[in-house]
Amino acid sequence: AISKTLIANSMKLTLHPDAIIAPVPEIYATNAASA
């Protein structure tokens, strides 16, 4: 579940690097370094 959310968020960062994208705290909640 976390991996799916992370992939979707990474795609947004790739397509819109200049945009302000809302953070997704649950991605980093359990293992921030790996995320």
PDB file of all heavy atoms in Angstrom:
ATOM      1  N   ALA A   1       0.826  -1.211   0.000  1.00  0.00           N
ATOM      2  CA  ALA A   1       0.000   0.000   0.000  1.00  0.00           C
ATOM      3  C   ALA A   1       0.861   1.262   0.000  1.00  0.00           C
ATOM      4  O   ALA A   1       0.609   2.207  -0.762  1.00  0.00           O
ATOM      5  CB  ALA A   1      -0.933  -0.004   1.207  1.00  0.00           C
ATOM      6  N   ILE A   2       1.880   1.283   0.872  1.00  0.00           N
ATOM      7  CA  ILE A   2       2.782   2.430   0.931  1.00  0.00           C
ATOM      8  C   ILE A   2       3.550   2.563  -0.381  1.00  0.00           C
ATOM      9  O   ILE A   2       3.747   3.668  -0.903  1.00  0.00           O
ATOM     10  CB  ILE A   2       3.769   2.293   2.106  1.00  0.00           C
ATOM     11  CG1 ILE A   2       3.029   2.383   3.445  1.00  0.00           C
ATOM     12  CG2 ILE A   2       4.857   3.353   2.035  1.00  0.00           C
ATOM     13  CD1 ILE A   2       2.353   3.710   3.702  1.00  0.00           C
ATOM     14  N   SER A   3       3.971   1.432  -0.940  1.00  0.00           N
ATOM     15  CA  SER A   3       4.729   1.458  -2.198  1.00  0.00           C
ATOM     16  C   SER A   3       3.887   2.041  -3.325  1.00  0.00           C
ATOM     17  O   SER A   3       4.380   2.833  -4.136  1.00  0.00           O
ATOM     18  CB  SER A   3       5.183   0.039  -2.569  1.00  0.00           C
ATOM     19  OG  SER A   3       6.071  -0.476  -1.597  1.00  0.00           O
ATOM     20  N   LYS A   4       2.612   1.678  -3.375  1.00  0.00           N
ATOM     21  CA  LYS A   4       1.723   2.194  -4.421  1.00  0.00           C
ATOM     22  C   LYS A   4       1.560   3.697  -4.295  1.00  0.00           C
ATOM     23  O   LYS A   4       1.611   4.434  -5.297  1.00  0.00           O
ATOM     24  CB  LYS A   4       0.362   1.499  -4.338  1.00  0.00           C
ATOM     25  CG  LYS A   4      -0.600   1.893  -5.449  1.00  0.00           C
ATOM     26  CD  LYS A   4      -1.883   1.068  -5.374  1.00  0.00           C
ATOM     27  CE  LYS A   4      -2.827   1.443  -6.517  1.00  0.00           C
ATOM     28  NZ  LYS A   4      -4.075   0.623  -6.481  1.00  0.00           N
ATOM     29  N   THR A   5       1.379   4.184  -3.080  1.00  0.00           N
ATOM     30  CA  THR A   5       1.242   5.630  -2.848  1.00  0.00           C
ATOM     31  C   THR A   5       2.533   6.351  -3.206  1.00  0.00           C
ATOM     32  O   THR A   5       2.517   7.425  -3.815  1.00  0.00           O
ATOM     33  CB  THR A   5       0.891   5.900  -1.374  1.00  0.00           C
ATOM     34  OG1 THR A   5      -0.313   5.203  -1.034  1.00  0.00           O
ATOM     35  CG2 THR A   5       0.687   7.397  -1.137  1.00  0.00           C
ATOM     36  N   LEU A   6       3.667   5.752  -2.837  1.00  0.00           N
ATOM     37  CA  LEU A   6       4.964   6.364  -3.124  1.00  0.00           C
ATOM     38  C   LEU A   6       5.208   6.469  -4.626  1.00  0.00           C
ATOM     39  O   LEU A   6       5.700   7.493  -5.112  1.00  0.00           O
ATOM     40  CB  LEU A   6       6.062   5.549  -2.440  1.00  0.00           C
ATOM     41  CG  LEU A   6       7.494   6.098  -2.531  1.00  0.00           C
ATOM     42  CD1 LEU A   6       8.283   5.738  -1.268  1.00  0.00           C
ATOM     43  CD2 LEU A   6       8.233   5.563  -3.756  1.00  0.00           C
ATOM     44  N   ILE A   7       4.863   5.440  -5.365  1.00  0.00           N
ATOM     45  CA  ILE A   7       5.062   5.452  -6.821  1.00  0.00           C
ATOM     46  C   ILE A   7       4.220   6.544  -7.462  1.00  0.00           C
ATOM     47  O   ILE A   7       4.686   7.280  -8.343  1.00  0.00           O
ATOM     48  CB  ILE A   7       4.729   4.072  -7.421  1.00  0.00           C
ATOM     49  CG1 ILE A   7       5.762   3.031  -6.966  1.00  0.00           C
ATOM     50  CG2 ILE A   7       4.686   4.137  -8.950  1.00  0.00           C
ATOM     51  CD1 ILE A   7       5.388   1.604  -7.293  1.00  0.00           C
ATOM     52  N   ALA A   8       2.960   6.658  -7.022  1.00  0.00           N
ATOM     53  CA  ALA A   8       2.083   7.696  -7.566  1.00  0.00           C
ATOM     54  C   ALA A   8       2.617   9.087  -7.258  1.00  0.00           C
ATOM     55  O   ALA A   8       2.608   9.979  -8.118  1.00  0.00           O
ATOM     56  CB  ALA A   8       0.674   7.531  -6.990  1.00  0.00           C
ATOM     57  N   ASN A   9       3.110   9.286  -6.032  1.00  0.00           N
ATOM     58  CA  ASN A   9       3.645  10.590  -5.642  1.00  0.00           C
ATOM     59  C   ASN A   9       4.933  10.904  -6.401  1.00  0.00           C
ATOM     60  O   ASN A   9       5.180  12.052  -6.791  1.00  0.00           O
ATOM     61  CB  ASN A   9       3.910  10.613  -4.136  1.00  0.00           C
ATOM     62  CG  ASN A   9       4.063  12.018  -3.586  1.00  0.00           C
ATOM     63  OD1 ASN A   9       3.149  12.822  -3.668  1.00  0.00           O
ATOM     64  ND2 ASN A   9       5.216  12.312  -3.013  1.00  0.00           N
ATOM     65  N   SER A  10       5.750   9.884  -6.645  1.00  0.00           N
ATOM     66  CA  SER A  10       7.001  10.075  -7.395  1.00  0.00           C
ATOM     67  C   SER A  10       6.721  10.476  -8.834  1.00  0.00           C
ATOM     68  O   SER A  10       7.461  11.269  -9.424  1.00  0.00           O
ATOM     69  CB  SER A  10       7.833   8.789  -7.354  1.00  0.00           C
ATOM     70  OG  SER A  10       8.196   8.459  -6.040  1.00  0.00           O
ATOM     71  N   MET A  11       5.657   9.918  -9.404  1.00  0.00           N
ATOM     72  CA  MET A  11       5.288  10.303 -10.766  1.00  0.00           C
ATOM     73  C   MET A  11       4.893  11.776 -10.816  1.00  0.00           C
ATOM     74  O   MET A  11       5.251  12.507 -11.753  1.00  0.00           O
ATOM     75  CB  MET A  11       4.148   9.422 -11.276  1.00  0.00           C
ATOM     76  CG  MET A  11       3.630   9.800 -12.662  1.00  0.00           C
ATOM     77  SD  MET A  11       4.932   9.788 -13.944  1.00  0.00           S
ATOM     78  CE  MET A  11       5.196   8.026 -14.140  1.00  0.00           C
ATOM     79  N   LYS A  12       4.174  12.247  -9.810  1.00  0.00           N
ATOM     80  CA  LYS A  12       3.803  13.666  -9.752  1.00  0.00           C
ATOM     81  C   LYS A  12       5.057  14.537  -9.681  1.00  0.00           C
ATOM     82  O   LYS A  12       5.144  15.584 -10.344  1.00  0.00           O
ATOM     83  CB  LYS A  12       2.909  13.930  -8.539  1.00  0.00           C
ATOM     84  CG  LYS A  12       1.527  13.295  -8.604  1.00  0.00           C
ATOM     85  CD  LYS A  12       0.730  13.588  -7.344  1.00  0.00           C
ATOM     86  CE  LYS A  12      -0.622  12.912  -7.370  1.00  0.00           C
ATOM     87  NZ  LYS A  12      -1.383  13.152  -6.114  1.00  0.00           N
ATOM     88  N   LEU A  13       6.018  14.131  -8.867  1.00  0.00           N
ATOM     89  CA  LEU A  13       7.266  14.889  -8.744  1.00  0.00           C
ATOM     90  C   LEU A  13       8.042  14.903 -10.059  1.00  0.00           C
ATOM     91  O   LEU A  13       8.696  15.895 -10.394  1.00  0.00           O
ATOM     92  CB  LEU A  13       8.133  14.282  -7.647  1.00  0.00           C
ATOM     93  CG  LEU A  13       7.611  14.391  -6.211  1.00  0.00           C
ATOM     94  CD1 LEU A  13       8.472  13.564  -5.268  1.00  0.00           C
ATOM     95  CD2 LEU A  13       7.567  15.838  -5.752  1.00  0.00           C
ATOM     96  N   THR A  14       7.965  13.816 -10.802  1.00  0.00           N
ATOM     97  CA  THR A  14       8.673  13.729 -12.081  1.00  0.00           C
ATOM     98  C   THR A  14       8.043  14.631 -13.124  1.00  0.00           C
ATOM     99  O   THR A  14       8.731  15.320 -13.885  1.00  0.00           O
ATOM    100  CB  THR A  14       8.676  12.273 -12.589  1.00  0.00           C
ATOM    101  OG1 THR A  14       9.229  11.421 -11.583  1.00  0.00           O
ATOM    102  CG2 THR A  14       9.502  12.146 -13.859  1.00  0.00           C
ATOM    103  N   LEU A  15       6.704  14.632 -13.170  1.00  0.00           N
ATOM    104  CA  LEU A  15       5.995  15.409 -14.191  1.00  0.00           C
ATOM    105  C   LEU A  15       5.909  16.884 -13.848  1.00  0.00           C
ATOM    106  O   LEU A  15       5.882  17.731 -14.742  1.00  0.00           O
ATOM    107  CB  LEU A  15       4.585  14.843 -14.391  1.00  0.00           C
ATOM    108  CG  LEU A  15       4.482  13.460 -15.034  1.00  0.00           C
ATOM    109  CD1 LEU A  15       3.030  12.993 -15.055  1.00  0.00           C
ATOM    110  CD2 LEU A  15       5.036  13.486 -16.449  1.00  0.00           C
ATOM    111  N   HIS A  16       5.867  17.213 -12.557  1.00  0.00           N
ATOM    112  CA  HIS A  16       5.655  18.610 -12.145  1.00  0.00           C
ATOM    113  C   HIS A  16       6.667  19.014 -11.077  1.00  0.00           C
ATOM    114  O   HIS A  16       6.299  19.294  -9.931  1.00  0.00           O
ATOM    115  CB  HIS A  16       4.228  18.785 -11.619  1.00  0.00           C
ATOM    116  CG  HIS A  16       3.163  18.240 -12.515  1.00  0.00           C
ATOM    117  ND1 HIS A  16       2.855  18.811 -13.739  1.00  0.00           N
ATOM    118  CD2 HIS A  16       2.363  17.145 -12.395  1.00  0.00           C
ATOM    119  CE1 HIS A  16       1.887  18.113 -14.316  1.00  0.00           C
ATOM    120  NE2 HIS A  16       1.578  17.098 -13.533  1.00  0.00           N
ATOM    121  N   PRO A  17       7.948  19.071 -11.429  1.00  0.00           N
ATOM    122  CA  PRO A  17       8.977  19.396 -10.430  1.00  0.00           C
ATOM    123  C   PRO A  17       8.865  20.811  -9.875  1.00  0.00           C
ATOM    124  O   PRO A  17       9.363  21.078  -8.777  1.00  0.00           O
ATOM    125  CB  PRO A  17      10.286  19.213 -11.201  1.00  0.00           C
ATOM    126  CG  PRO A  17       9.906  19.408 -12.642  1.00  0.00           C
ATOM    127  CD  PRO A  17       8.523  18.839 -12.762  1.00  0.00           C
ATOM    128  N   ASP A  18       8.222  21.720 -10.620  1.00  0.00           N
ATOM    129  CA  ASP A  18       8.103  23.107 -10.155  1.00  0.00           C
ATOM    130  C   ASP A  18       6.828  23.352  -9.361  1.00  0.00           C
ATOM    131  O   ASP A  18       6.662  24.422  -8.772  1.00  0.00           O
ATOM    132  CB  ASP A  18       8.121  24.068 -11.353  1.00  0.00           C
ATOM    133  CG  ASP A  18       9.440  24.009 -12.113  1.00  0.00           C
ATOM    134  OD1 ASP A  18      10.470  23.789 -11.450  1.00  0.00           O
ATOM    135  OD2 ASP A  18       9.431  24.174 -13.338  1.00  0.00           O
ATOM    136  N   ALA A  19       5.936  22.379  -9.354  1.00  0.00           N
ATOM    137  CA  ALA A  19       4.647  22.564  -8.682  1.00  0.00           C
ATOM    138  C   ALA A  19       4.788  22.298  -7.176  1.00  0.00           C
ATOM    139  O   ALA A  19       5.709  21.608  -6.723  1.00  0.00           O
ATOM    140  CB  ALA A  19       3.602  21.639  -9.284  1.00  0.00           C
ATOM    141  N   ILE A  20       3.856  22.854  -6.422  1.00  0.00           N
ATOM    142  CA  ILE A  20       3.815  22.602  -4.984  1.00  0.00           C
ATOM    143  C   ILE A  20       2.921  21.384  -4.761  1.00  0.00           C
ATOM    144  O   ILE A  20       1.699  21.459  -4.890  1.00  0.00           O
ATOM    145  CB  ILE A  20       3.265  23.814  -4.217  1.00  0.00           C
ATOM    146  CG1 ILE A  20       4.176  25.036  -4.451  1.00  0.00           C
ATOM    147  CG2 ILE A  20       3.158  23.509  -2.728  1.00  0.00           C
ATOM    148  CD1 ILE A  20       3.647  26.315  -3.822  1.00  0.00           C
ATOM    149  N   ILE A  21       3.536  20.255  -4.444  1.00  0.00           N
ATOM    150  CA  ILE A  21       2.802  19.011  -4.265  1.00  0.00           C
ATOM    151  C   ILE A  21       2.666  18.738  -2.771  1.00  0.00           C
ATOM    152  O   ILE A  21       3.651  18.743  -2.030  1.00  0.00           O
ATOM    153  CB  ILE A  21       3.527  17.844  -4.959  1.00  0.00           C
ATOM    154  CG1 ILE A  21       3.617  18.119  -6.467  1.00  0.00           C
ATOM    155  CG2 ILE A  21       2.832  16.519  -4.695  1.00  0.00           C
ATOM    156  CD1 ILE A  21       4.420  17.099  -7.237  1.00  0.00           C
ATOM    157  N   ALA A  22       1.441  18.517  -2.342  1.00  0.00           N
ATOM    158  CA  ALA A  22       1.184  18.285  -0.924  1.00  0.00           C
ATOM    159  C   ALA A  22       1.921  17.040  -0.437  1.00  0.00           C
ATOM    160  O   ALA A  22       1.924  16.009  -1.111  1.00  0.00           O
ATOM    161  CB  ALA A  22      -0.322  18.122  -0.692  1.00  0.00           C
ATOM    162  N   PRO A  23       2.578  17.120   0.719  1.00  0.00           N
ATOM    163  CA  PRO A  23       3.309  15.957   1.241  1.00  0.00           C
ATOM    164  C   PRO A  23       2.355  14.835   1.645  1.00  0.00           C
ATOM    165  O   PRO A  23       1.186  15.079   1.961  1.00  0.00           O
ATOM    166  CB  PRO A  23       4.049  16.531   2.457  1.00  0.00           C
ATOM    167  CG  PRO A  23       3.224  17.712   2.877  1.00  0.00           C
ATOM    168  CD  PRO A  23       2.660  18.289   1.611  1.00  0.00           C
ATOM    169  N   VAL A  24       2.857  13.613   1.634  1.00  0.00           N
ATOM    170  CA  VAL A  24       2.066  12.446   2.031  1.00  0.00           C
ATOM    171  C   VAL A  24       2.769  11.829   3.239  1.00  0.00           C
ATOM    172  O   VAL A  24       3.655  10.974   3.071  1.00  0.00           O
ATOM    173  CB  VAL A  24       1.945  11.427   0.877  1.00  0.00           C
ATOM    174  CG1 VAL A  24       1.006  10.294   1.262  1.00  0.00           C
ATOM    175  CG2 VAL A  24       1.468  12.116  -0.401  1.00  0.00           C
ATOM    176  N   PRO A  25       2.400  12.228   4.453  1.00  0.00           N
ATOM    177  CA  PRO A  25       3.144  11.822   5.657  1.00  0.00           C
ATOM    178  C   PRO A  25       3.232  10.315   5.853  1.00  0.00           C
ATOM    179  O   PRO A  25       4.247   9.813   6.359  1.00  0.00           O
ATOM    180  CB  PRO A  25       2.342  12.476   6.792  1.00  0.00           C
ATOM    181  CG  PRO A  25       1.622  13.614   6.145  1.00  0.00           C
ATOM    182  CD  PRO A  25       1.296  13.144   4.760  1.00  0.00           C
ATOM    183  N   GLU A  26       2.187   9.574   5.452  1.00  0.00           N
ATOM    184  CA  GLU A  26       2.197   8.133   5.714  1.00  0.00           C
ATOM    185  C   GLU A  26       3.318   7.398   4.976  1.00  0.00           C
ATOM    186  O   GLU A  26       3.721   6.306   5.365  1.00  0.00           O
ATOM    187  CB  GLU A  26       0.843   7.500   5.362  1.00  0.00           C
ATOM    188  CG  GLU A  26       0.395   7.695   3.926  1.00  0.00           C
ATOM    189  CD  GLU A  26      -0.528   8.884   3.752  1.00  0.00           C
ATOM    190  OE1 GLU A  26      -0.395   9.851   4.529  1.00  0.00           O
ATOM    191  OE2 GLU A  26      -1.378   8.847   2.850  1.00  0.00           O
ATOM    192  N   ILE A  27       3.829   7.998   3.903  1.00  0.00           N
ATOM    193  CA  ILE A  27       4.919   7.361   3.164  1.00  0.00           C
ATOM    194  C   ILE A  27       6.160   7.243   4.044  1.00  0.00           C
ATOM    195  O   ILE A  27       6.896   6.243   3.992  1.00  0.00           O
ATOM    196  CB  ILE A  27       5.258   8.161   1.888  1.00  0.00           C
ATOM    197  CG1 ILE A  27       4.102   8.079   0.884  1.00  0.00           C
ATOM    198  CG2 ILE A  27       6.542   7.644   1.236  1.00  0.00           C
ATOM    199  CD1 ILE A  27       4.332   8.888  -0.369  1.00  0.00           C
ATOM    200  N   TYR A  28       6.402   8.244   4.882  1.00  0.00           N
ATOM    201  CA  TYR A  28       7.637   8.301   5.676  1.00  0.00           C
ATOM    202  C   TYR A  28       7.425   7.896   7.131  1.00  0.00           C
ATOM    203  O   TYR A  28       8.367   7.944   7.926  1.00  0.00           O
ATOM    204  CB  TYR A  28       8.215   9.720   5.632  1.00  0.00           C
ATOM    205  CG  TYR A  28       8.248  10.305   4.243  1.00  0.00           C
ATOM    206  CD1 TYR A  28       7.282  11.199   3.812  1.00  0.00           C
ATOM    207  CD2 TYR A  28       9.242   9.939   3.339  1.00  0.00           C
ATOM    208  CE1 TYR A  28       7.300  11.729   2.530  1.00  0.00           C
ATOM    209  CE2 TYR A  28       9.277  10.463   2.049  1.00  0.00           C
ATOM    210  CZ  TYR A  28       8.296  11.358   1.661  1.00  0.00           C
ATOM    211  OH  TYR A  28       8.313  11.872   0.385  1.00  0.00           O
ATOM    212  N   ALA A  29       6.207   7.501   7.488  1.00  0.00           N
ATOM    213  CA  ALA A  29       5.877   7.258   8.898  1.00  0.00           C
ATOM    214  C   ALA A  29       6.652   6.093   9.500  1.00  0.00           C
ATOM    215  O   ALA A  29       7.127   6.168  10.642  1.00  0.00           O
ATOM    216  CB  ALA A  29       4.377   7.025   9.052  1.00  0.00           C
ATOM    217  N   THR A  30       6.800   4.996   8.771  1.00  0.00           N
ATOM    218  CA  THR A  30       7.404   3.791   9.337  1.00  0.00           C
ATOM    219  C   THR A  30       8.907   3.691   9.085  1.00  0.00           C
ATOM    220  O   THR A  30       9.663   3.285   9.960  1.00  0.00           O
ATOM    221  CB  THR A  30       6.719   2.528   8.779  1.00  0.00           C
ATOM    222  OG1 THR A  30       6.797   2.554   7.342  1.00  0.00           O
ATOM    223  CG2 THR A  30       5.255   2.483   9.196  1.00  0.00           C
ATOM    224  N   ASN A  31       9.348   4.065   7.883  1.00  0.00           N
ATOM    225  CA  ASN A  31      10.773   3.945   7.549  1.00  0.00           C
ATOM    226  C   ASN A  31      11.141   5.077   6.595  1.00  0.00           C
ATOM    227  O   ASN A  31      11.171   4.907   5.376  1.00  0.00           O
ATOM    228  CB  ASN A  31      11.050   2.582   6.903  1.00  0.00           C
ATOM    229  CG  ASN A  31      12.540   2.259   6.857  1.00  0.00           C
ATOM    230  OD1 ASN A  31      13.371   3.143   6.735  1.00  0.00           O
ATOM    231  ND2 ASN A  31      12.864   0.977   6.949  1.00  0.00           N
ATOM    232  N   ALA A  32      11.420   6.230   7.159  1.00  0.00           N
ATOM    233  CA  ALA A  32      11.651   7.437   6.364  1.00  0.00           C
ATOM    234  C   ALA A  32      12.861   7.304   5.453  1.00  0.00           C
ATOM    235  O   ALA A  32      12.826   7.727   4.291  1.00  0.00           O
ATOM    236  CB  ALA A  32      11.824   8.647   7.287  1.00  0.00           C
ATOM    237  N   ALA A  33      13.936   6.699   5.938  1.00  0.00           N
ATOM    238  CA  ALA A  33      15.162   6.587   5.142  1.00  0.00           C
ATOM    239  C   ALA A  33      14.932   5.732   3.896  1.00  0.00           C
ATOM    240  O   ALA A  33      15.329   6.105   2.782  1.00  0.00           O
ATOM    241  CB  ALA A  33      16.280   5.983   5.986  1.00  0.00           C
ATOM    242  N   SER A  34      14.283   4.593   4.067  1.00  0.00           N
ATOM    243  CA  SER A  34      14.009   3.714   2.926  1.00  0.00           C
ATOM    244  C   SER A  34      13.026   4.364   1.968  1.00  0.00           C
ATOM    245  O   SER A  34      13.151   4.231   0.739  1.00  0.00           O
ATOM    246  CB  SER A  34      13.447   2.372   3.417  1.00  0.00           C
ATOM    247  OG  SER A  34      14.406   1.662   4.159  1.00  0.00           O
ATOM    248  N   ALA A  35      12.034   5.081   2.507  1.00  0.00           N
ATOM    249  CA  ALA A  35      11.030   5.736   1.661  1.00  0.00           C
ATOM    250  C   ALA A  35      11.666   6.808   0.789  1.00  0.00           C
ATOM    251  O   ALA A  35      11.371   6.921  -0.403  1.00  0.00           O
ATOM    252  CB  ALA A  35       9.927   6.338   2.526  1.00  0.00           C
TER     253      ALA A  35
END
